[in-house]
């Protein structure tokens, strides 16, 4: 079942979405394959520290974060991937690594890669390693109000 907090938020805002069950998978590419969704349409959530502050970046599963672009965008050299110990308590009802890209529900700023904003629909982890939510990107943008920027590149793997 999707995270209770996420489901209540989507229902309260009258968002049409579909919950998709899939076999246990941990990497974004495995999830995309398991759920039969293109990697470009599966949004993965990555937690990053910028000068000690936790932020959420969201990009297509088939892409990788370009930390040089993030450093340039933030004008800050102190940009790095957050480790699990730094964020596991921020998402109490979610399995570690399966948090949805709704940083606004957890007090985090959200940045979305421009390439994801091109999609009509996106899917993303719903708080577990066996379920996704699929919904219109426009609804995601309206509810989360992420800042759009370019910070990723298509992964060859």
N, C-alpha and C. Protein backbone atom coordinates (compact mmCIF):
# COMPACT_ATOMS: atom_id res chain seq x y z
N UNK A 1 0.85 -1.19 0.00
CA UNK A 1 0.00 0.00 0.00
C UNK A 1 0.88 1.24 0.00
N UNK A 2 0.50 2.26 -0.78
CA UNK A 2 1.30 3.49 -0.79
C UNK A 2 1.39 4.11 0.60
N UNK A 3 2.40 4.89 0.80
CA UNK A 3 2.55 5.64 2.04
C UNK A 3 1.23 6.32 2.37
N UNK A 4 0.79 6.17 3.59
CA UNK A 4 -0.49 6.75 4.02
C UNK A 4 -0.49 8.27 3.81
N UNK A 5 0.61 8.91 4.16
CA UNK A 5 0.73 10.36 4.01
C UNK A 5 0.56 10.77 2.55
N UNK A 6 1.20 10.04 1.65
CA UNK A 6 1.12 10.34 0.22
C UNK A 6 -0.29 10.11 -0.31
N UNK A 7 -0.87 8.96 0.01
CA UNK A 7 -2.21 8.63 -0.48
C UNK A 7 -3.23 9.66 0.01
N UNK A 8 -3.18 10.02 1.27
CA UNK A 8 -4.11 11.03 1.81
C UNK A 8 -3.94 12.37 1.11
N UNK A 9 -2.69 12.75 0.85
CA UNK A 9 -2.40 14.03 0.18
C UNK A 9 -2.97 14.02 -1.24
N UNK A 10 -2.75 12.95 -1.97
CA UNK A 10 -3.26 12.87 -3.35
C UNK A 10 -4.78 12.86 -3.36
N UNK A 11 -5.38 12.08 -2.47
CA UNK A 11 -6.85 12.01 -2.40
C UNK A 11 -7.45 13.36 -2.01
N UNK A 12 -6.84 14.02 -1.04
CA UNK A 12 -7.34 15.33 -0.58
C UNK A 12 -7.31 16.36 -1.71
N UNK A 13 -6.33 16.21 -2.60
CA UNK A 13 -6.18 17.15 -3.72
C UNK A 13 -6.84 16.66 -5.01
N UNK A 14 -7.68 15.64 -4.88
CA UNK A 14 -8.46 15.11 -6.01
C UNK A 14 -7.60 14.74 -7.21
N UNK A 15 -6.46 14.11 -6.95
CA UNK A 15 -5.56 13.71 -8.02
C UNK A 15 -5.93 12.31 -8.50
N UNK A 16 -6.01 12.15 -9.80
CA UNK A 16 -6.23 10.83 -10.37
C UNK A 16 -4.87 10.14 -10.48
N UNK A 17 -4.78 8.95 -9.92
CA UNK A 17 -3.52 8.20 -9.97
C UNK A 17 -3.83 6.72 -9.99
N UNK A 18 -2.82 5.95 -10.37
CA UNK A 18 -2.93 4.50 -10.39
C UNK A 18 -1.81 3.96 -9.52
N UNK A 19 -2.14 3.01 -8.64
CA UNK A 19 -1.13 2.30 -7.86
C UNK A 19 -0.76 1.05 -8.65
N UNK A 20 0.54 0.83 -8.84
CA UNK A 20 1.03 -0.30 -9.62
C UNK A 20 1.89 -1.19 -8.73
N UNK A 21 1.47 -2.44 -8.59
CA UNK A 21 2.26 -3.42 -7.83
C UNK A 21 3.30 -4.01 -8.77
N UNK A 22 4.48 -4.28 -8.23
CA UNK A 22 5.53 -4.94 -9.01
C UNK A 22 6.35 -5.83 -8.09
N UNK A 23 7.13 -6.71 -8.68
CA UNK A 23 7.95 -7.59 -7.85
C UNK A 23 9.02 -6.77 -7.15
N UNK A 24 9.54 -7.31 -6.07
CA UNK A 24 10.53 -6.61 -5.26
C UNK A 24 11.70 -6.16 -6.12
N UNK A 25 11.99 -4.86 -6.09
CA UNK A 25 13.09 -4.29 -6.87
C UNK A 25 13.62 -3.08 -6.12
N UNK A 26 14.92 -2.85 -6.24
CA UNK A 26 15.55 -1.78 -5.47
C UNK A 26 16.10 -0.64 -6.33
N UNK A 27 16.66 -0.95 -7.49
CA UNK A 27 17.20 0.14 -8.32
C UNK A 27 16.09 0.65 -9.23
N UNK A 28 16.22 1.89 -9.62
CA UNK A 28 15.20 2.50 -10.48
C UNK A 28 15.05 1.74 -11.79
N UNK A 29 16.14 1.30 -12.36
CA UNK A 29 16.07 0.56 -13.62
C UNK A 29 15.38 -0.79 -13.43
N UNK A 30 15.65 -1.48 -12.31
CA UNK A 30 14.97 -2.76 -12.03
C UNK A 30 13.47 -2.54 -11.87
N UNK A 31 13.11 -1.46 -11.18
CA UNK A 31 11.70 -1.14 -10.95
C UNK A 31 11.01 -0.87 -12.28
N UNK A 32 11.65 -0.07 -13.14
CA UNK A 32 11.07 0.25 -14.45
C UNK A 32 10.82 -1.04 -15.24
N UNK A 33 11.80 -1.93 -15.26
CA UNK A 33 11.65 -3.19 -16.00
C UNK A 33 10.55 -4.05 -15.39
N UNK A 34 10.52 -4.15 -14.06
CA UNK A 34 9.54 -4.98 -13.37
C UNK A 34 8.12 -4.47 -13.60
N UNK A 35 7.95 -3.16 -13.64
CA UNK A 35 6.62 -2.56 -13.80
C UNK A 35 6.28 -2.26 -15.26
N UNK A 36 7.20 -2.60 -16.17
CA UNK A 36 6.99 -2.37 -17.61
C UNK A 36 6.74 -0.90 -17.93
N UNK A 37 7.59 -0.06 -17.33
CA UNK A 37 7.52 1.39 -17.55
C UNK A 37 8.87 1.83 -18.12
N UNK A 38 8.86 2.71 -19.10
CA UNK A 38 10.11 3.22 -19.65
C UNK A 38 10.89 3.95 -18.56
N UNK A 39 12.21 3.74 -18.54
CA UNK A 39 13.07 4.41 -17.56
C UNK A 39 12.91 5.92 -17.58
N UNK A 40 12.61 6.47 -18.74
CA UNK A 40 12.43 7.92 -18.88
C UNK A 40 11.18 8.40 -18.13
N UNK A 41 10.19 7.52 -17.97
CA UNK A 41 8.93 7.90 -17.32
C UNK A 41 8.87 7.55 -15.84
N UNK A 42 9.91 6.87 -15.34
CA UNK A 42 9.96 6.55 -13.92
C UNK A 42 10.83 7.59 -13.23
N UNK A 43 10.25 8.31 -12.31
CA UNK A 43 10.98 9.34 -11.57
C UNK A 43 11.68 8.72 -10.38
N UNK A 44 12.98 8.95 -10.28
CA UNK A 44 13.69 8.48 -9.08
C UNK A 44 14.02 9.67 -8.21
N UNK A 45 13.99 9.42 -6.92
CA UNK A 45 14.24 10.43 -5.92
C UNK A 45 15.64 10.22 -5.35
N UNK A 46 16.43 11.28 -5.38
CA UNK A 46 17.78 11.23 -4.85
C UNK A 46 17.91 12.34 -3.81
N UNK A 47 18.46 12.00 -2.66
CA UNK A 47 18.64 13.00 -1.61
C UNK A 47 20.08 13.51 -1.63
N UNK A 48 20.19 14.82 -1.61
CA UNK A 48 21.48 15.50 -1.76
C UNK A 48 21.63 16.50 -0.63
N UNK A 49 22.86 16.69 -0.20
CA UNK A 49 23.15 17.73 0.80
C UNK A 49 23.84 18.89 0.08
N UNK A 50 23.30 20.09 0.28
CA UNK A 50 23.89 21.31 -0.28
C UNK A 50 24.27 22.19 0.91
N UNK A 51 25.56 22.29 1.13
CA UNK A 51 26.07 23.07 2.25
C UNK A 51 25.40 22.64 3.57
N UNK A 52 25.22 21.32 3.73
CA UNK A 52 24.66 20.77 4.96
C UNK A 52 23.14 20.67 4.98
N UNK A 53 22.45 21.28 4.01
CA UNK A 53 20.98 21.24 3.96
C UNK A 53 20.53 20.13 3.02
N UNK A 54 19.60 19.29 3.49
CA UNK A 54 19.07 18.20 2.68
C UNK A 54 18.06 18.73 1.68
N UNK A 55 18.20 18.30 0.42
CA UNK A 55 17.22 18.61 -0.62
C UNK A 55 16.89 17.31 -1.36
N UNK A 56 15.82 17.35 -2.13
CA UNK A 56 15.40 16.21 -2.92
C UNK A 56 15.54 16.58 -4.39
N UNK A 57 16.24 15.75 -5.15
CA UNK A 57 16.30 15.95 -6.59
C UNK A 57 15.58 14.77 -7.24
N UNK A 58 14.85 15.07 -8.31
CA UNK A 58 14.01 14.07 -8.97
C UNK A 58 14.38 14.07 -10.45
N UNK A 59 14.66 12.87 -10.98
CA UNK A 59 15.10 12.74 -12.36
C UNK A 59 14.62 11.41 -12.92
N UNK A 60 14.67 11.25 -14.24
CA UNK A 60 14.26 9.97 -14.83
C UNK A 60 15.17 8.84 -14.37
N UNK A 61 14.61 7.64 -14.24
CA UNK A 61 15.37 6.48 -13.78
C UNK A 61 16.57 6.18 -14.67
N UNK A 62 16.45 6.49 -15.94
CA UNK A 62 17.52 6.17 -16.88
C UNK A 62 18.62 7.24 -16.91
N UNK A 63 18.53 8.21 -16.02
CA UNK A 63 19.51 9.30 -15.96
C UNK A 63 20.33 9.20 -14.67
N UNK A 64 21.41 9.92 -14.63
CA UNK A 64 22.25 10.03 -13.43
C UNK A 64 22.42 11.50 -13.07
N UNK A 65 22.59 11.77 -11.77
CA UNK A 65 22.80 13.14 -11.30
C UNK A 65 24.19 13.61 -11.74
N UNK A 66 24.24 14.81 -12.29
CA UNK A 66 25.51 15.44 -12.64
C UNK A 66 25.82 16.43 -11.51
N UNK A 67 26.70 16.02 -10.60
CA UNK A 67 26.99 16.84 -9.43
C UNK A 67 27.70 18.14 -9.80
N UNK A 68 28.45 18.15 -10.89
CA UNK A 68 29.08 19.40 -11.34
C UNK A 68 28.02 20.42 -11.73
N UNK A 69 26.97 19.97 -12.43
CA UNK A 69 25.88 20.89 -12.79
C UNK A 69 25.15 21.38 -11.54
N UNK A 70 24.95 20.51 -10.55
CA UNK A 70 24.30 20.94 -9.31
C UNK A 70 25.15 21.98 -8.59
N UNK A 71 26.46 21.72 -8.49
CA UNK A 71 27.35 22.68 -7.83
C UNK A 71 27.28 24.04 -8.52
N UNK A 72 27.27 24.01 -9.84
CA UNK A 72 27.21 25.26 -10.61
C UNK A 72 25.86 25.95 -10.39
N UNK A 73 24.78 25.19 -10.44
CA UNK A 73 23.43 25.76 -10.26
C UNK A 73 23.26 26.40 -8.88
N UNK A 74 23.82 25.75 -7.86
CA UNK A 74 23.70 26.28 -6.50
C UNK A 74 24.81 27.26 -6.15
N UNK A 75 25.82 27.37 -7.02
CA UNK A 75 26.94 28.25 -6.72
C UNK A 75 27.64 27.82 -5.45
N UNK A 76 27.72 26.50 -5.25
CA UNK A 76 28.25 25.99 -4.00
C UNK A 76 29.05 24.72 -4.27
N UNK A 77 30.27 24.69 -3.81
CA UNK A 77 31.12 23.51 -3.99
C UNK A 77 30.72 22.37 -3.06
N UNK A 78 30.02 22.68 -1.97
CA UNK A 78 29.69 21.69 -0.96
C UNK A 78 28.36 21.00 -1.30
N UNK A 79 28.35 20.21 -2.38
CA UNK A 79 27.17 19.48 -2.83
C UNK A 79 27.56 18.01 -2.93
N UNK A 80 26.80 17.15 -2.23
CA UNK A 80 27.13 15.72 -2.25
C UNK A 80 25.88 14.88 -2.04
N UNK A 81 26.01 13.61 -2.40
CA UNK A 81 24.94 12.65 -2.17
C UNK A 81 24.78 12.45 -0.67
N UNK A 82 23.55 12.44 -0.20
CA UNK A 82 23.30 12.16 1.23
C UNK A 82 23.39 10.66 1.46
N UNK A 83 23.83 10.26 2.65
CA UNK A 83 23.86 8.82 2.94
C UNK A 83 22.59 8.43 3.71
N UNK A 84 22.30 7.14 3.71
CA UNK A 84 21.05 6.66 4.30
C UNK A 84 20.86 7.07 5.75
N UNK A 85 21.93 7.07 6.54
CA UNK A 85 21.80 7.45 7.95
C UNK A 85 21.32 8.89 8.10
N UNK A 86 21.61 9.73 7.12
CA UNK A 86 21.23 11.13 7.20
C UNK A 86 19.76 11.36 6.88
N UNK A 87 19.10 10.44 6.18
CA UNK A 87 17.72 10.70 5.80
C UNK A 87 16.71 9.63 6.20
N UNK A 88 17.15 8.50 6.72
CA UNK A 88 16.18 7.42 6.99
C UNK A 88 15.09 7.82 7.98
N UNK A 89 15.36 8.71 8.91
CA UNK A 89 14.34 9.11 9.88
C UNK A 89 13.40 10.19 9.35
N UNK A 90 13.71 10.78 8.20
CA UNK A 90 12.85 11.81 7.62
C UNK A 90 11.60 11.24 6.95
N UNK A 91 11.62 9.95 6.64
CA UNK A 91 10.52 9.30 5.93
C UNK A 91 10.05 8.08 6.73
N UNK A 92 9.48 8.29 7.91
CA UNK A 92 9.19 7.19 8.83
C UNK A 92 8.25 6.11 8.28
N UNK A 93 7.31 6.46 7.41
CA UNK A 93 6.38 5.44 6.91
C UNK A 93 6.85 4.83 5.59
N UNK A 94 8.06 5.18 5.15
CA UNK A 94 8.59 4.66 3.89
C UNK A 94 9.76 3.71 4.13
N UNK A 95 9.89 2.73 3.23
CA UNK A 95 11.07 1.88 3.25
C UNK A 95 12.26 2.73 2.77
N UNK A 96 13.43 2.49 3.35
CA UNK A 96 14.61 3.28 2.98
C UNK A 96 14.87 3.10 1.49
N UNK A 97 15.00 4.22 0.79
CA UNK A 97 15.26 4.20 -0.64
C UNK A 97 14.02 4.14 -1.51
N UNK A 98 12.84 4.13 -0.90
CA UNK A 98 11.59 4.05 -1.68
C UNK A 98 10.70 5.26 -1.45
N UNK A 99 11.30 6.36 -1.06
CA UNK A 99 10.50 7.54 -0.75
C UNK A 99 9.98 8.21 -2.04
N UNK A 100 8.75 8.70 -1.98
CA UNK A 100 8.17 9.37 -3.13
C UNK A 100 8.79 10.75 -3.32
N UNK A 101 8.68 11.33 -4.52
CA UNK A 101 9.31 12.63 -4.79
C UNK A 101 8.50 13.83 -4.28
N UNK A 102 7.84 13.66 -3.16
CA UNK A 102 7.02 14.71 -2.56
C UNK A 102 7.73 15.29 -1.34
N UNK A 103 8.85 15.94 -1.58
CA UNK A 103 9.61 16.54 -0.49
C UNK A 103 8.80 17.52 0.32
N UNK A 104 7.81 18.16 -0.31
CA UNK A 104 6.96 19.11 0.40
C UNK A 104 6.23 18.46 1.57
N UNK A 105 6.00 17.14 1.51
CA UNK A 105 5.34 16.44 2.62
C UNK A 105 6.30 16.17 3.77
N UNK A 106 7.59 16.35 3.52
CA UNK A 106 8.62 16.02 4.50
C UNK A 106 9.54 17.20 4.82
N UNK A 107 9.11 18.40 4.43
CA UNK A 107 9.89 19.60 4.75
C UNK A 107 11.16 19.75 3.93
N UNK A 108 11.18 19.20 2.71
CA UNK A 108 12.37 19.30 1.86
C UNK A 108 12.05 20.06 0.58
N UNK A 109 12.99 20.88 0.14
CA UNK A 109 12.87 21.52 -1.17
C UNK A 109 13.05 20.46 -2.24
N UNK A 110 12.30 20.59 -3.33
CA UNK A 110 12.37 19.62 -4.42
C UNK A 110 12.83 20.31 -5.70
N UNK A 111 13.78 19.66 -6.37
CA UNK A 111 14.30 20.13 -7.65
C UNK A 111 14.08 19.00 -8.65
N UNK A 112 13.48 19.34 -9.79
CA UNK A 112 13.20 18.32 -10.79
C UNK A 112 14.03 18.63 -12.04
N UNK A 113 14.58 17.57 -12.62
CA UNK A 113 15.35 17.76 -13.84
C UNK A 113 14.40 18.11 -14.99
N UNK A 114 14.84 19.04 -15.83
CA UNK A 114 14.02 19.50 -16.96
C UNK A 114 13.54 18.34 -17.83
N UNK A 115 14.37 17.31 -17.98
CA UNK A 115 14.00 16.19 -18.86
C UNK A 115 12.76 15.45 -18.35
N UNK A 116 12.55 15.40 -17.06
CA UNK A 116 11.38 14.72 -16.50
C UNK A 116 10.11 15.55 -16.74
N UNK A 117 10.26 16.86 -16.76
CA UNK A 117 9.12 17.75 -16.94
C UNK A 117 8.52 17.65 -18.34
N UNK A 118 9.22 16.98 -19.25
CA UNK A 118 8.71 16.80 -20.61
C UNK A 118 7.66 15.69 -20.69
N UNK A 119 7.58 14.86 -19.65
CA UNK A 119 6.68 13.71 -19.67
C UNK A 119 5.25 14.09 -19.30
N UNK A 120 4.30 13.48 -19.99
CA UNK A 120 2.90 13.72 -19.67
C UNK A 120 2.52 13.02 -18.37
N UNK A 121 3.04 11.79 -18.20
CA UNK A 121 2.80 11.02 -16.98
C UNK A 121 4.12 10.58 -16.39
N UNK A 122 4.14 10.48 -15.07
CA UNK A 122 5.31 9.93 -14.40
C UNK A 122 4.85 8.86 -13.41
N UNK A 123 5.76 7.98 -13.08
CA UNK A 123 5.53 6.99 -12.03
C UNK A 123 6.68 7.12 -11.05
N UNK A 124 6.45 6.74 -9.81
CA UNK A 124 7.49 6.88 -8.78
C UNK A 124 7.19 5.96 -7.62
N UNK A 125 8.22 5.69 -6.82
CA UNK A 125 8.05 4.85 -5.63
C UNK A 125 6.97 5.45 -4.74
N UNK A 126 6.16 4.56 -4.19
CA UNK A 126 5.06 4.99 -3.33
C UNK A 126 5.35 4.73 -1.86
N UNK A 127 6.63 4.55 -1.53
CA UNK A 127 6.99 4.33 -0.13
C UNK A 127 7.43 2.91 0.16
N UNK A 128 7.27 2.01 -0.84
CA UNK A 128 7.72 0.63 -0.69
C UNK A 128 8.54 0.23 -1.92
N UNK A 129 9.20 -0.91 -1.82
CA UNK A 129 9.98 -1.43 -2.95
C UNK A 129 9.14 -2.34 -3.84
N UNK A 130 7.81 -2.32 -3.65
CA UNK A 130 6.93 -3.17 -4.46
C UNK A 130 5.73 -2.42 -5.03
N UNK A 131 5.71 -1.10 -4.90
CA UNK A 131 4.56 -0.36 -5.41
C UNK A 131 4.96 1.02 -5.93
N UNK A 132 4.33 1.38 -7.04
CA UNK A 132 4.52 2.69 -7.65
C UNK A 132 3.20 3.44 -7.69
N UNK A 133 3.30 4.74 -7.84
CA UNK A 133 2.14 5.58 -8.17
C UNK A 133 2.42 6.14 -9.55
N UNK A 134 1.41 6.11 -10.40
CA UNK A 134 1.52 6.74 -11.72
C UNK A 134 0.46 7.83 -11.78
N UNK A 135 0.87 9.01 -12.24
CA UNK A 135 -0.04 10.14 -12.30
C UNK A 135 0.44 11.15 -13.33
N UNK A 136 -0.37 12.15 -13.61
CA UNK A 136 0.00 13.19 -14.57
C UNK A 136 1.14 14.04 -13.99
N UNK A 137 2.14 14.33 -14.83
CA UNK A 137 3.23 15.19 -14.38
C UNK A 137 2.68 16.56 -13.96
N UNK A 138 1.68 17.05 -14.68
CA UNK A 138 1.11 18.37 -14.36
C UNK A 138 0.58 18.41 -12.93
N UNK A 139 -0.04 17.31 -12.47
CA UNK A 139 -0.54 17.26 -11.09
C UNK A 139 0.63 17.25 -10.10
N UNK A 140 1.67 16.48 -10.42
CA UNK A 140 2.87 16.46 -9.57
C UNK A 140 3.43 17.88 -9.43
N UNK A 141 3.57 18.56 -10.56
CA UNK A 141 4.14 19.91 -10.55
C UNK A 141 3.26 20.87 -9.75
N UNK A 142 1.95 20.75 -9.92
CA UNK A 142 1.02 21.63 -9.20
C UNK A 142 1.10 21.42 -7.69
N UNK A 143 1.21 20.17 -7.25
CA UNK A 143 1.21 19.87 -5.83
C UNK A 143 2.56 20.09 -5.15
N UNK A 144 3.63 19.77 -5.84
CA UNK A 144 4.97 19.84 -5.24
C UNK A 144 5.64 21.19 -5.49
N UNK A 145 5.33 21.80 -6.62
CA UNK A 145 5.95 23.06 -7.04
C UNK A 145 7.48 22.97 -7.00
N UNK A 146 8.03 21.96 -7.71
CA UNK A 146 9.49 21.81 -7.70
C UNK A 146 10.15 22.90 -8.53
N UNK A 147 11.40 23.15 -8.22
CA UNK A 147 12.19 24.07 -9.05
C UNK A 147 12.78 23.24 -10.17
N UNK A 148 12.62 23.72 -11.43
CA UNK A 148 13.14 22.99 -12.58
C UNK A 148 14.54 23.46 -12.89
N UNK A 149 15.44 22.50 -13.15
CA UNK A 149 16.79 22.81 -13.56
C UNK A 149 17.38 21.63 -14.32
N UNK A 150 18.52 21.84 -14.92
CA UNK A 150 19.21 20.77 -15.64
C UNK A 150 20.33 20.28 -14.74
N UNK A 151 20.25 19.00 -14.34
CA UNK A 151 21.30 18.46 -13.47
C UNK A 151 21.54 16.97 -13.69
N UNK A 152 21.16 16.45 -14.86
CA UNK A 152 21.36 15.02 -15.07
C UNK A 152 21.80 14.72 -16.50
N UNK A 153 22.21 13.48 -16.70
CA UNK A 153 22.59 13.03 -18.03
C UNK A 153 22.12 11.60 -18.20
N UNK A 154 21.86 11.21 -19.46
CA UNK A 154 21.40 9.86 -19.76
C UNK A 154 22.50 8.87 -19.46
N UNK A 155 22.16 7.87 -18.66
CA UNK A 155 23.13 6.84 -18.28
C UNK A 155 23.29 5.84 -19.41
N UNK A 156 24.50 5.42 -19.63
CA UNK A 156 24.77 4.42 -20.68
C UNK A 156 24.46 3.01 -20.19
N UNK A 157 24.34 2.84 -18.89
CA UNK A 157 24.12 1.50 -18.31
C UNK A 157 22.66 1.29 -18.02
